[in-house]
Each structure stands twice: as structure tokens, then as C-alpha cells.
Amino acid sequence: MNVWACQTLVESLRFILFNNKNQNNNQTLTDNDGRTFDIIEQFSECPQKMFKMLIKHFKELYDTDLFIINFDGTKFDVFNKESYLQGNQKPNMAFLSFNEDNMICGPLYVTIGNETIHTVFSYDNLHIWNHVDDYLEELNKSSKFFFFFS
């Protein structure tokens, strides 16, 4: 699993939608949607609120659950992983990673076969959580190394 480095939240969401192989409706981020997510990104000083608004709007607009990877003060983890276990999910899911300062890092993706990028995954694909767990393990290892030397 890899991260597509992005400068803004809107750029990250465009990448997710552009590489969504699970839906044939060619979803795009409209200008109005972009403005909404630009506003949400301004809440980075209140990350809990930002993440909840982001998850809610992405789910409503694109029928996809968005899982947030963020630094919780001690380690990187999936902010809303419990929603996966509650059974009230959309048919698809995507992952978005944030840096320790709650600024966007980028969407997670996998490359399959002939270099096809996938950013949206079916809930039936339980294997994807293994990739997310591996990503978190690597992220937390590098984070501990950084804190040790800073």
C-alpha cells in the first residue's frame, strides 16, 4: 500500500475519485464540492471536527466510507475504524492519511497487475485491512525513529 503525496485535501479527493475502479459512474469532484472540502480543510486546528465533517460529506456525496489515518498523540491509527465494525457502512471504502500536524499527506492506493491504481475498495475485500495495518506499522516505526532523534 502506498500514499499518493498531495498538497491539499481537494487534490487528494480528486485522486481517489479518478482512480475509483469500483463504480462505473465516473464520479468527479465538482467545483461546489471542492469549495466544501476547502472549507473543511480549514478546521485542521480542530482535527476531530475536520475528520468527522470530511467523513460525513464524502459518504453523502460519493457513497463511499472514508477512513482517516492520523496521529492520535502517541501513534498513527485509523481514526474511525470502529465504524467498519458497526455494520452501517457503504459498499465501498477509501483511506486518507494525514501527517502528525493534521495536514494532508495523501490517499492510500494499491497498484494491481498492469500498473492499475486502485483507491476505492469493496467492503468484501478484507485483505485490504492487512495492507492498512502494514502501512500503519511502517508509519509508526518511522515516527518513533523521528521522535528519537528530534
C-alpha atoms as a PDB file:
ATOM      1  CA  MET A   1       0.000   0.000   0.000  1.00  0.00           C
ATOM      2  CA  ASN A   2       1.314   3.415  -0.957  1.00  0.00           C
ATOM      3  CA  VAL A   3       0.439   7.044  -0.342  1.00  0.00           C
ATOM      4  CA  TRP A   4      -0.052   9.479  -3.204  1.00  0.00           C
ATOM      5  CA  ALA A   5       1.514  12.662  -1.792  1.00  0.00           C
ATOM      6  CA  CYS A   6      -0.792  15.654  -2.144  1.00  0.00           C
ATOM      7  CA  GLN A   7      -0.647  19.297  -1.131  1.00  0.00           C
ATOM      8  CA  THR A   8      -4.367  19.790  -0.475  1.00  0.00           C
ATOM      9  CA  LEU A   9      -7.392  17.842   0.631  1.00  0.00           C
ATOM     10  CA  VAL A  10      -9.176  18.563  -2.656  1.00  0.00           C
ATOM     11  CA  GLU A  11      -6.223  17.199  -4.651  1.00  0.00           C
ATOM     12  CA  SER A  12      -6.348  14.018  -2.543  1.00  0.00           C
ATOM     13  CA  LEU A  13     -10.074  13.548  -3.053  1.00  0.00           C
ATOM     14  CA  ARG A  14      -9.756  14.077  -6.810  1.00  0.00           C
ATOM     15  CA  PHE A  15      -7.108  11.348  -6.913  1.00  0.00           C
ATOM     16  CA  ILE A  16      -9.393   8.962  -5.006  1.00  0.00           C
ATOM     17  CA  LEU A  17     -12.340   9.598  -7.312  1.00  0.00           C
ATOM     18  CA  PHE A  18     -10.281   9.488 -10.511  1.00  0.00           C
ATOM     19  CA  ASN A  19      -8.900   6.066  -9.568  1.00  0.00           C
ATOM     20  CA  ASN A  20     -12.158   4.609  -8.262  1.00  0.00           C
ATOM     21  CA  LYS A  21     -12.427   1.325 -10.168  1.00  0.00           C
ATOM     22  CA  ASN A  22     -15.397   0.079  -8.094  1.00  0.00           C
ATOM     23  CA  GLN A  23     -18.013   2.344  -9.642  1.00  0.00           C
ATOM     24  CA  ASN A  24     -18.828   2.910 -13.281  1.00  0.00           C
ATOM     25  CA  ASN A  25     -20.456   6.298 -12.826  1.00  0.00           C
ATOM     26  CA  ASN A  26     -17.281   8.370 -13.310  1.00  0.00           C
ATOM     27  CA  GLN A  27     -17.721  10.364 -10.123  1.00  0.00           C
ATOM     28  CA  THR A  28     -15.929  13.681 -10.099  1.00  0.00           C
ATOM     29  CA  LEU A  29     -15.322  16.411  -7.594  1.00  0.00           C
ATOM     30  CA  THR A  30     -17.459  19.355  -8.683  1.00  0.00           C
ATOM     31  CA  ASP A  31     -16.414  22.961  -8.052  1.00  0.00           C
ATOM     32  CA  ASN A  32     -19.057  23.212  -5.340  1.00  0.00           C
ATOM     33  CA  ASP A  33     -17.817  20.001  -3.683  1.00  0.00           C
ATOM     34  CA  GLY A  34     -14.265  21.345  -3.899  1.00  0.00           C
ATOM     35  CA  ARG A  35     -15.258  24.542  -2.096  1.00  0.00           C
ATOM     36  CA  THR A  36     -16.952  22.481   0.634  1.00  0.00           C
ATOM     37  CA  PHE A  37     -13.819  20.391   1.181  1.00  0.00           C
ATOM     38  CA  ASP A  38     -11.606  23.515   1.082  1.00  0.00           C
ATOM     39  CA  ILE A  39     -13.663  24.867   3.976  1.00  0.00           C
ATOM     40  CA  ILE A  40     -13.424  21.563   5.862  1.00  0.00           C
ATOM     41  CA  GLU A  41      -9.634  21.597   5.467  1.00  0.00           C
ATOM     42  CA  GLN A  42      -9.533  24.918   7.336  1.00  0.00           C
ATOM     43  CA  PHE A  43     -10.528  23.028  10.500  1.00  0.00           C
ATOM     44  CA  SER A  44      -7.092  21.377  10.798  1.00  0.00           C
ATOM     45  CA  GLU A  45      -6.647  23.101  14.172  1.00  0.00           C
ATOM     46  CA  CYS A  46      -9.683  21.081  15.353  1.00  0.00           C
ATOM     47  CA  PRO A  47      -8.852  17.728  13.763  1.00  0.00           C
ATOM     48  CA  GLN A  48     -11.701  15.743  15.353  1.00  0.00           C
ATOM     49  CA  LYS A  49     -14.234  18.125  13.851  1.00  0.00           C
ATOM     50  CA  MET A  50     -12.430  18.232  10.496  1.00  0.00           C
ATOM     51  CA  PHE A  51     -12.289  14.436  10.249  1.00  0.00           C
ATOM     52  CA  LYS A  52     -15.955  13.984  11.183  1.00  0.00           C
ATOM     53  CA  MET A  53     -17.101  16.582   8.640  1.00  0.00           C
ATOM     54  CA  LEU A  54     -14.868  15.087   5.954  1.00  0.00           C
ATOM     55  CA  ILE A  55     -16.144  11.552   6.581  1.00  0.00           C
ATOM     56  CA  LYS A  56     -19.786  12.682   6.613  1.00  0.00           C
ATOM     57  CA  HIS A  57     -19.624  14.734   3.415  1.00  0.00           C
ATOM     58  CA  PHE A  58     -17.575  12.188   1.476  1.00  0.00           C
ATOM     59  CA  LYS A  59     -20.023   9.432   2.423  1.00  0.00           C
ATOM     60  CA  GLU A  60     -23.035  11.517   1.411  1.00  0.00           C
ATOM     61  CA  LEU A  61     -21.577  12.737  -1.881  1.00  0.00           C
ATOM     62  CA  TYR A  62     -19.797   9.623  -3.148  1.00  0.00           C
ATOM     63  CA  ASP A  63     -21.462   6.671  -1.393  1.00  0.00           C
ATOM     64  CA  THR A  64     -18.052   5.638  -0.017  1.00  0.00           C
ATOM     65  CA  ASP A  65     -16.796   5.384   3.543  1.00  0.00           C
ATOM     66  CA  LEU A  66     -13.617   7.362   4.056  1.00  0.00           C
ATOM     67  CA  PHE A  67     -11.220   6.088   6.702  1.00  0.00           C
ATOM     68  CA  ILE A  68      -8.814   8.616   8.178  1.00  0.00           C
ATOM     69  CA  ILE A  69      -5.288   7.719   9.263  1.00  0.00           C
ATOM     70  CA  ASN A  70      -3.958  10.258  11.727  1.00  0.00           C
ATOM     71  CA  PHE A  71      -1.580  10.699  14.641  1.00  0.00           C
ATOM     72  CA  ASP A  72      -3.529  10.334  17.902  1.00  0.00           C
ATOM     73  CA  GLY A  73      -0.798  11.793  20.129  1.00  0.00           C
ATOM     74  CA  THR A  74       1.117   8.559  20.645  1.00  0.00           C
ATOM     75  CA  LYS A  75       0.892   6.711  17.323  1.00  0.00           C
ATOM     76  CA  PHE A  76      -0.714   6.676  13.893  1.00  0.00           C
ATOM     77  CA  ASP A  77      -4.023   4.820  13.739  1.00  0.00           C
ATOM     78  CA  VAL A  78      -7.313   4.719  11.840  1.00  0.00           C
ATOM     79  CA  PHE A  79      -9.449   7.490  13.323  1.00  0.00           C
ATOM     80  CA  ASN A  80     -12.812   5.874  12.578  1.00  0.00           C
ATOM     81  CA  LYS A  81     -12.035   2.153  12.363  1.00  0.00           C
ATOM     82  CA  GLU A  82     -14.897   1.311  14.734  1.00  0.00           C
ATOM     83  CA  SER A  83     -17.413   2.367  12.076  1.00  0.00           C
ATOM     84  CA  TYR A  84     -16.181  -0.547   9.955  1.00  0.00           C
ATOM     85  CA  LEU A  85     -17.104  -2.948  12.738  1.00  0.00           C
ATOM     86  CA  GLN A  86     -20.553  -1.441  13.393  1.00  0.00           C
ATOM     87  CA  GLY A  87     -22.044  -2.716  10.145  1.00  0.00           C
ATOM     88  CA  ASN A  88     -23.578   0.566   8.949  1.00  0.00           C
ATOM     89  CA  GLN A  89     -21.204   1.009   6.054  1.00  0.00           C
ATOM     90  CA  LYS A  90     -21.365   1.962   2.422  1.00  0.00           C
ATOM     91  CA  PRO A  91     -20.433  -0.652  -0.204  1.00  0.00           C
ATOM     92  CA  ASN A  92     -17.005   0.920  -0.772  1.00  0.00           C
ATOM     93  CA  MET A  93     -14.209   2.415   1.288  1.00  0.00           C
ATOM     94  CA  ALA A  94     -11.174   4.618   0.758  1.00  0.00           C
ATOM     95  CA  PHE A  95      -8.301   5.698   3.023  1.00  0.00           C
ATOM     96  CA  LEU A  96      -6.787   9.121   3.544  1.00  0.00           C
ATOM     97  CA  SER A  97      -3.593   9.705   5.523  1.00  0.00           C
ATOM     98  CA  PHE A  98      -2.731  12.836   7.485  1.00  0.00           C
ATOM     99  CA  ASN A  99       0.606  13.963   8.926  1.00  0.00           C
ATOM    100  CA  GLU A 100       1.267  14.401  12.636  1.00  0.00           C
ATOM    101  CA  ASP A 101       0.229  18.060  12.371  1.00  0.00           C
ATOM    102  CA  ASN A 102      -3.150  17.051  10.835  1.00  0.00           C
ATOM    103  CA  MET A 103      -2.212  18.344   7.410  1.00  0.00           C
ATOM    104  CA  ILE A 104      -2.961  16.149   4.432  1.00  0.00           C
ATOM    105  CA  CYS A 105      -0.420  13.524   3.450  1.00  0.00           C
ATOM    106  CA  GLY A 106      -2.479  11.818   0.743  1.00  0.00           C
ATOM    107  CA  PRO A 107      -4.775   8.948  -0.203  1.00  0.00           C
ATOM    108  CA  LEU A 108      -3.701   5.330   0.114  1.00  0.00           C
ATOM    109  CA  TYR A 109      -3.666   3.204  -3.026  1.00  0.00           C
ATOM    110  CA  VAL A 110      -2.557  -0.150  -4.332  1.00  0.00           C
ATOM    111  CA  THR A 111      -1.236  -0.989  -7.770  1.00  0.00           C
ATOM    112  CA  ILE A 112      -2.630  -4.159  -9.278  1.00  0.00           C
ATOM    113  CA  GLY A 113      -1.495  -6.047 -12.348  1.00  0.00           C
ATOM    114  CA  ASN A 114      -0.578  -3.786 -15.219  1.00  0.00           C
ATOM    115  CA  GLU A 115       0.033  -0.705 -13.052  1.00  0.00           C
ATOM    116  CA  THR A 116      -3.680  -0.092 -12.451  1.00  0.00           C
ATOM    117  CA  ILE A 117      -4.096   2.167  -9.414  1.00  0.00           C
ATOM    118  CA  HIS A 118      -6.949   1.413  -7.014  1.00  0.00           C
ATOM    119  CA  THR A 119      -8.020   3.912  -4.358  1.00  0.00           C
ATOM    120  CA  VAL A 120     -11.503   2.633  -3.524  1.00  0.00           C
ATOM    121  CA  PHE A 121     -12.032  -0.854  -2.157  1.00  0.00           C
ATOM    122  CA  SER A 122     -15.036  -3.071  -1.645  1.00  0.00           C
ATOM    123  CA  TYR A 123     -16.057  -3.875   1.911  1.00  0.00           C
ATOM    124  CA  ASP A 124     -15.839  -7.515   0.847  1.00  0.00           C
ATOM    125  CA  ASN A 125     -12.072  -7.064   0.428  1.00  0.00           C
ATOM    126  CA  LEU A 126     -10.952  -7.856   3.964  1.00  0.00           C
ATOM    127  CA  HIS A 127      -7.379  -8.276   2.729  1.00  0.00           C
ATOM    128  CA  ILE A 128      -7.076  -4.504   2.313  1.00  0.00           C
ATOM    129  CA  TRP A 129      -7.033  -4.117   6.111  1.00  0.00           C
ATOM    130  CA  ASN A 130      -3.849  -6.204   6.177  1.00  0.00           C
ATOM    131  CA  HIS A 131      -2.286  -3.635   3.835  1.00  0.00           C
ATOM    132  CA  VAL A 132      -3.511  -0.787   6.049  1.00  0.00           C
ATOM    133  CA  ASP A 133      -2.109  -2.484   9.155  1.00  0.00           C
ATOM    134  CA  ASP A 134       1.262  -2.935   7.402  1.00  0.00           C
ATOM    135  CA  TYR A 135       1.223   0.728   6.370  1.00  0.00           C
ATOM    136  CA  LEU A 136       0.473   1.786   9.965  1.00  0.00           C
ATOM    137  CA  GLU A 137       3.248  -0.414  11.321  1.00  0.00           C
ATOM    138  CA  GLU A 138       5.795   1.157   8.950  1.00  0.00           C
ATOM    139  CA  LEU A 139       4.494   4.643   9.655  1.00  0.00           C
ATOM    140  CA  ASN A 140       4.758   4.135  13.400  1.00  0.00           C
ATOM    141  CA  LYS A 141       8.271   2.688  13.108  1.00  0.00           C
ATOM    142  CA  SER A 142       9.453   5.719  11.154  1.00  0.00           C
ATOM    143  CA  SER A 143       7.610   8.047  13.533  1.00  0.00           C
ATOM    144  CA  LYS A 144       9.374   6.541  16.565  1.00  0.00           C
ATOM    145  CA  PHE A 145      12.704   6.893  14.787  1.00  0.00           C
ATOM    146  CA  PHE A 146      11.927  10.555  14.059  1.00  0.00           C
ATOM    147  CA  PHE A 147      10.938  11.291  17.672  1.00  0.00           C
ATOM    148  CA  PHE A 148      14.047   9.535  18.978  1.00  0.00           C
ATOM    149  CA  PHE A 149      16.315  11.894  17.016  1.00  0.00           C
ATOM    150  CA  SER A 150      14.326  15.109  17.237  1.00  0.00           C
END
